[in-house]
Amino acid sequence: MCICGVHAGSPNQVVRYARQGVRCFSTEAASLLQVKARLLEEDLTRPPAGN
């Protein structure tokens, strides 16, 4: 997955970007289901764990 040329292939990185306001992502087909599942299970309205 690339966002503005920055590699964001892991689901955790995608969650970090989503918390920063990014709402459109592009990913290769092999990663799509894993990224989608991670985003669906994450409550983006709550502060990240550890904060």
PDB file of N, CA and C in Angstrom:
ATOM      1  N   MET A   1       0.846  -1.160   0.000  1.00  0.00           N
ATOM      2  CA  MET A   1       0.000   0.000   0.000  1.00  0.00           C
ATOM      3  C   MET A   1       0.899   1.232   0.000  1.00  0.00           C
ATOM      4  N   CYS A   2       0.569   2.205  -0.793  1.00  0.00           N
ATOM      5  CA  CYS A   2       1.314   3.463  -0.816  1.00  0.00           C
ATOM      6  C   CYS A   2       0.367   4.623  -0.609  1.00  0.00           C
ATOM      7  N   ILE A   3       0.745   5.501   0.284  1.00  0.00           N
ATOM      8  CA  ILE A   3       0.017   6.739   0.501  1.00  0.00           C
ATOM      9  C   ILE A   3       1.027   7.852   0.302  1.00  0.00           C
ATOM     10  N   CYS A   4       0.861   8.638  -0.721  1.00  0.00           N
ATOM     11  CA  CYS A   4       1.800   9.704  -1.052  1.00  0.00           C
ATOM     12  C   CYS A   4       3.228   9.174  -1.135  1.00  0.00           C
ATOM     13  N   GLY A   5       3.401   7.993  -1.693  1.00  0.00           N
ATOM     14  CA  GLY A   5       4.723   7.430  -1.887  1.00  0.00           C
ATOM     15  C   GLY A   5       5.315   6.784  -0.647  1.00  0.00           C
ATOM     16  N   VAL A   6       4.584   6.733   0.446  1.00  0.00           N
ATOM     17  CA  VAL A   6       5.092   6.129   1.674  1.00  0.00           C
ATOM     18  C   VAL A   6       4.511   4.730   1.802  1.00  0.00           C
ATOM     19  N   HIS A   7       5.362   3.752   2.053  1.00  0.00           N
ATOM     20  CA  HIS A   7       4.904   2.373   2.183  1.00  0.00           C
ATOM     21  C   HIS A   7       4.089   2.217   3.454  1.00  0.00           C
ATOM     22  N   ALA A   8       2.898   1.677   3.331  1.00  0.00           N
ATOM     23  CA  ALA A   8       2.018   1.452   4.482  1.00  0.00           C
ATOM     24  C   ALA A   8       1.346   0.100   4.323  1.00  0.00           C
ATOM     25  N   GLY A   9       2.141  -0.932   4.266  1.00  0.00           N
ATOM     26  CA  GLY A   9       1.618  -2.258   3.968  1.00  0.00           C
ATOM     27  C   GLY A   9       0.994  -2.997   5.130  1.00  0.00           C
ATOM     28  N   SER A  10       1.373  -2.660   6.356  1.00  0.00           N
ATOM     29  CA  SER A  10       0.818  -3.418   7.478  1.00  0.00           C
ATOM     30  C   SER A  10      -0.496  -2.804   7.941  1.00  0.00           C
ATOM     31  N   PRO A  11      -1.407  -3.645   8.437  1.00  0.00           N
ATOM     32  CA  PRO A  11      -2.679  -3.126   8.932  1.00  0.00           C
ATOM     33  C   PRO A  11      -2.496  -2.102  10.051  1.00  0.00           C
ATOM     34  N   ASN A  12      -1.499  -2.267  10.896  1.00  0.00           N
ATOM     35  CA  ASN A  12      -1.274  -1.300  11.979  1.00  0.00           C
ATOM     36  C   ASN A  12      -0.901   0.072  11.432  1.00  0.00           C
ATOM     37  N   GLN A  13      -0.125   0.107  10.361  1.00  0.00           N
ATOM     38  CA  GLN A  13       0.223   1.391   9.744  1.00  0.00           C
ATOM     39  C   GLN A  13      -1.019   2.047   9.152  1.00  0.00           C
ATOM     40  N   VAL A  14      -1.885   1.253   8.551  1.00  0.00           N
ATOM     41  CA  VAL A  14      -3.113   1.790   7.972  1.00  0.00           C
ATOM     42  C   VAL A  14      -3.978   2.405   9.078  1.00  0.00           C
ATOM     43  N   VAL A  15      -4.062   1.746  10.230  1.00  0.00           N
ATOM     44  CA  VAL A  15      -4.833   2.282  11.348  1.00  0.00           C
ATOM     45  C   VAL A  15      -4.231   3.614  11.794  1.00  0.00           C
ATOM     46  N   ARG A  16      -2.911   3.698  11.871  1.00  0.00           N
ATOM     47  CA  ARG A  16      -2.272   4.970  12.258  1.00  0.00           C
ATOM     48  C   ARG A  16      -2.635   6.081  11.287  1.00  0.00           C
ATOM     49  N   TYR A  17      -2.587   5.792   9.992  1.00  0.00           N
ATOM     50  CA  TYR A  17      -2.958   6.806   8.997  1.00  0.00           C
ATOM     51  C   TYR A  17      -4.435   7.176   9.124  1.00  0.00           C
ATOM     52  N   ALA A  18      -5.297   6.189   9.367  1.00  0.00           N
ATOM     53  CA  ALA A  18      -6.725   6.471   9.521  1.00  0.00           C
ATOM     54  C   ALA A  18      -6.965   7.372  10.724  1.00  0.00           C
ATOM     55  N   ARG A  19      -6.240   7.154  11.805  1.00  0.00           N
ATOM     56  CA  ARG A  19      -6.368   8.017  12.987  1.00  0.00           C
ATOM     57  C   ARG A  19      -5.915   9.445  12.690  1.00  0.00           C
ATOM     58  N   GLN A  20      -5.048   9.602  11.698  1.00  0.00           N
ATOM     59  CA  GLN A  20      -4.570  10.930  11.316  1.00  0.00           C
ATOM     60  C   GLN A  20      -5.490  11.594  10.299  1.00  0.00           C
ATOM     61  N   GLY A  21      -6.549  10.888   9.883  1.00  0.00           N
ATOM     62  CA  GLY A  21      -7.540  11.498   8.999  1.00  0.00           C
ATOM     63  C   GLY A  21      -7.558  10.990   7.574  1.00  0.00           C
ATOM     64  N   VAL A  22      -6.633  10.110   7.206  1.00  0.00           N
ATOM     65  CA  VAL A  22      -6.627   9.571   5.846  1.00  0.00           C
ATOM     66  C   VAL A  22      -7.821   8.636   5.709  1.00  0.00           C
ATOM     67  N   ARG A  23      -8.610   8.817   4.680  1.00  0.00           N
ATOM     68  CA  ARG A  23      -9.810   8.008   4.493  1.00  0.00           C
ATOM     69  C   ARG A  23      -9.818   7.214   3.189  1.00  0.00           C
ATOM     70  N   CYS A  24      -8.874   7.441   2.314  1.00  0.00           N
ATOM     71  CA  CYS A  24      -8.791   6.690   1.060  1.00  0.00           C
ATOM     72  C   CYS A  24      -7.462   5.959   1.015  1.00  0.00           C
ATOM     73  N   PHE A  25      -7.528   4.653   0.816  1.00  0.00           N
ATOM     74  CA  PHE A  25      -6.336   3.826   0.761  1.00  0.00           C
ATOM     75  C   PHE A  25      -6.331   3.019  -0.526  1.00  0.00           C
ATOM     76  N   SER A  26      -5.162   2.662  -0.953  1.00  0.00           N
ATOM     77  CA  SER A  26      -5.002   1.794  -2.106  1.00  0.00           C
ATOM     78  C   SER A  26      -4.039   0.689  -1.698  1.00  0.00           C
ATOM     79  N   THR A  27      -4.405  -0.538  -1.968  1.00  0.00           N
ATOM     80  CA  THR A  27      -3.550  -1.657  -1.570  1.00  0.00           C
ATOM     81  C   THR A  27      -3.580  -2.740  -2.634  1.00  0.00           C
ATOM     82  N   GLU A  28      -2.579  -3.606  -2.578  1.00  0.00           N
ATOM     83  CA  GLU A  28      -2.579  -4.733  -3.510  1.00  0.00           C
ATOM     84  C   GLU A  28      -3.605  -5.755  -3.033  1.00  0.00           C
ATOM     85  N   ALA A  29      -4.102  -6.533  -3.937  1.00  0.00           N
ATOM     86  CA  ALA A  29      -5.177  -7.478  -3.638  1.00  0.00           C
ATOM     87  C   ALA A  29      -4.814  -8.455  -2.521  1.00  0.00           C
ATOM     88  N   ALA A  30      -3.561  -8.868  -2.444  1.00  0.00           N
ATOM     89  CA  ALA A  30      -3.143  -9.849  -1.443  1.00  0.00           C
ATOM     90  C   ALA A  30      -3.286  -9.314  -0.018  1.00  0.00           C
ATOM     91  N   SER A  31      -3.238  -8.002   0.181  1.00  0.00           N
ATOM     92  CA  SER A  31      -3.323  -7.404   1.514  1.00  0.00           C
ATOM     93  C   SER A  31      -4.707  -6.873   1.851  1.00  0.00           C
ATOM     94  N   LEU A  32      -5.574  -6.812   0.897  1.00  0.00           N
ATOM     95  CA  LEU A  32      -6.855  -6.141   1.070  1.00  0.00           C
ATOM     96  C   LEU A  32      -7.693  -6.702   2.214  1.00  0.00           C
ATOM     97  N   LEU A  33      -7.873  -8.001   2.282  1.00  0.00           N
ATOM     98  CA  LEU A  33      -8.732  -8.582   3.309  1.00  0.00           C
ATOM     99  C   LEU A  33      -8.160  -8.378   4.709  1.00  0.00           C
ATOM    100  N   GLN A  34      -6.851  -8.500   4.855  1.00  0.00           N
ATOM    101  CA  GLN A  34      -6.224  -8.301   6.155  1.00  0.00           C
ATOM    102  C   GLN A  34      -6.365  -6.849   6.614  1.00  0.00           C
ATOM    103  N   VAL A  35      -6.141  -5.905   5.718  1.00  0.00           N
ATOM    104  CA  VAL A  35      -6.266  -4.486   6.050  1.00  0.00           C
ATOM    105  C   VAL A  35      -7.722  -4.154   6.368  1.00  0.00           C
ATOM    106  N   LYS A  36      -8.640  -4.647   5.561  1.00  0.00           N
ATOM    107  CA  LYS A  36     -10.062  -4.380   5.786  1.00  0.00           C
ATOM    108  C   LYS A  36     -10.512  -4.926   7.143  1.00  0.00           C
ATOM    109  N   ALA A  37     -10.115  -6.148   7.466  1.00  0.00           N
ATOM    110  CA  ALA A  37     -10.491  -6.745   8.747  1.00  0.00           C
ATOM    111  C   ALA A  37      -9.955  -5.925   9.911  1.00  0.00           C
ATOM    112  N   ARG A  38      -8.737  -5.452   9.813  1.00  0.00           N
ATOM    113  CA  ARG A  38      -8.138  -4.649  10.898  1.00  0.00           C
ATOM    114  C   ARG A  38      -8.877  -3.336  11.070  1.00  0.00           C
ATOM    115  N   LEU A  39      -9.224  -2.685   9.979  1.00  0.00           N
ATOM    116  CA  LEU A  39      -9.955  -1.424  10.073  1.00  0.00           C
ATOM    117  C   LEU A  39     -11.360  -1.626  10.638  1.00  0.00           C
ATOM    118  N   LEU A  40     -12.013  -2.714  10.281  1.00  0.00           N
ATOM    119  CA  LEU A  40     -13.359  -2.976  10.779  1.00  0.00           C
ATOM    120  C   LEU A  40     -13.369  -3.285  12.276  1.00  0.00           C
ATOM    121  N   GLU A  41     -12.309  -3.877  12.789  1.00  0.00           N
ATOM    122  CA  GLU A  41     -12.270  -4.210  14.220  1.00  0.00           C
ATOM    123  C   GLU A  41     -11.795  -3.047  15.089  1.00  0.00           C
ATOM    124  N   GLU A  42     -11.231  -2.029  14.482  1.00  0.00           N
ATOM    125  CA  GLU A  42     -10.665  -0.897  15.221  1.00  0.00           C
ATOM    126  C   GLU A  42     -11.720   0.182  15.465  1.00  0.00           C
ATOM    127  N   ASP A  43     -11.806   0.680  16.674  1.00  0.00           N
ATOM    128  CA  ASP A  43     -12.665   1.819  16.992  1.00  0.00           C
ATOM    129  C   ASP A  43     -11.802   3.080  16.864  1.00  0.00           C
ATOM    130  N   LEU A  44     -11.913   3.756  15.748  1.00  0.00           N
ATOM    131  CA  LEU A  44     -11.062   4.921  15.478  1.00  0.00           C
ATOM    132  C   LEU A  44     -11.458   6.141  16.296  1.00  0.00           C
ATOM    133  N   THR A  45     -12.578   6.072  17.012  1.00  0.00           N
ATOM    134  CA  THR A  45     -12.970   7.197  17.849  1.00  0.00           C
ATOM    135  C   THR A  45     -12.303   7.148  19.215  1.00  0.00           C
ATOM    136  N   ARG A  46     -11.735   6.019  19.572  1.00  0.00           N
ATOM    137  CA  ARG A  46     -11.060   5.877  20.867  1.00  0.00           C
ATOM    138  C   ARG A  46      -9.567   6.156  20.699  1.00  0.00           C
ATOM    139  N   PRO A  47      -8.926   6.659  21.747  1.00  0.00           N
ATOM    140  CA  PRO A  47      -7.480   6.867  21.680  1.00  0.00           C
ATOM    141  C   PRO A  47      -6.762   5.528  21.496  1.00  0.00           C
ATOM    142  N   PRO A  48      -5.629   5.538  20.824  1.00  0.00           N
ATOM    143  CA  PRO A  48      -4.890   4.285  20.631  1.00  0.00           C
ATOM    144  C   PRO A  48      -4.440   3.711  21.983  1.00  0.00           C
ATOM    145  N   ALA A  49      -4.330   2.415  22.052  1.00  0.00           N
ATOM    146  CA  ALA A  49      -3.871   1.749  23.273  1.00  0.00           C
ATOM    147  C   ALA A  49      -2.482   2.239  23.641  1.00  0.00           C
ATOM    148  N   GLY A  50      -2.268   2.399  24.932  1.00  0.00           N
ATOM    149  CA  GLY A  50      -0.958   2.856  25.391  1.00  0.00           C
ATOM    150  C   GLY A  50      -0.863   4.358  25.539  1.00  0.00           C
ATOM    151  N   ASN A  51      -1.921   5.085  25.187  1.00  0.00           N
ATOM    152  CA  ASN A  51      -1.894   6.551  25.327  1.00  0.00           C
ATOM    153  C   ASN A  51      -2.790   6.983  26.437  1.00  0.00           C
TER     154      ASN A  51
END
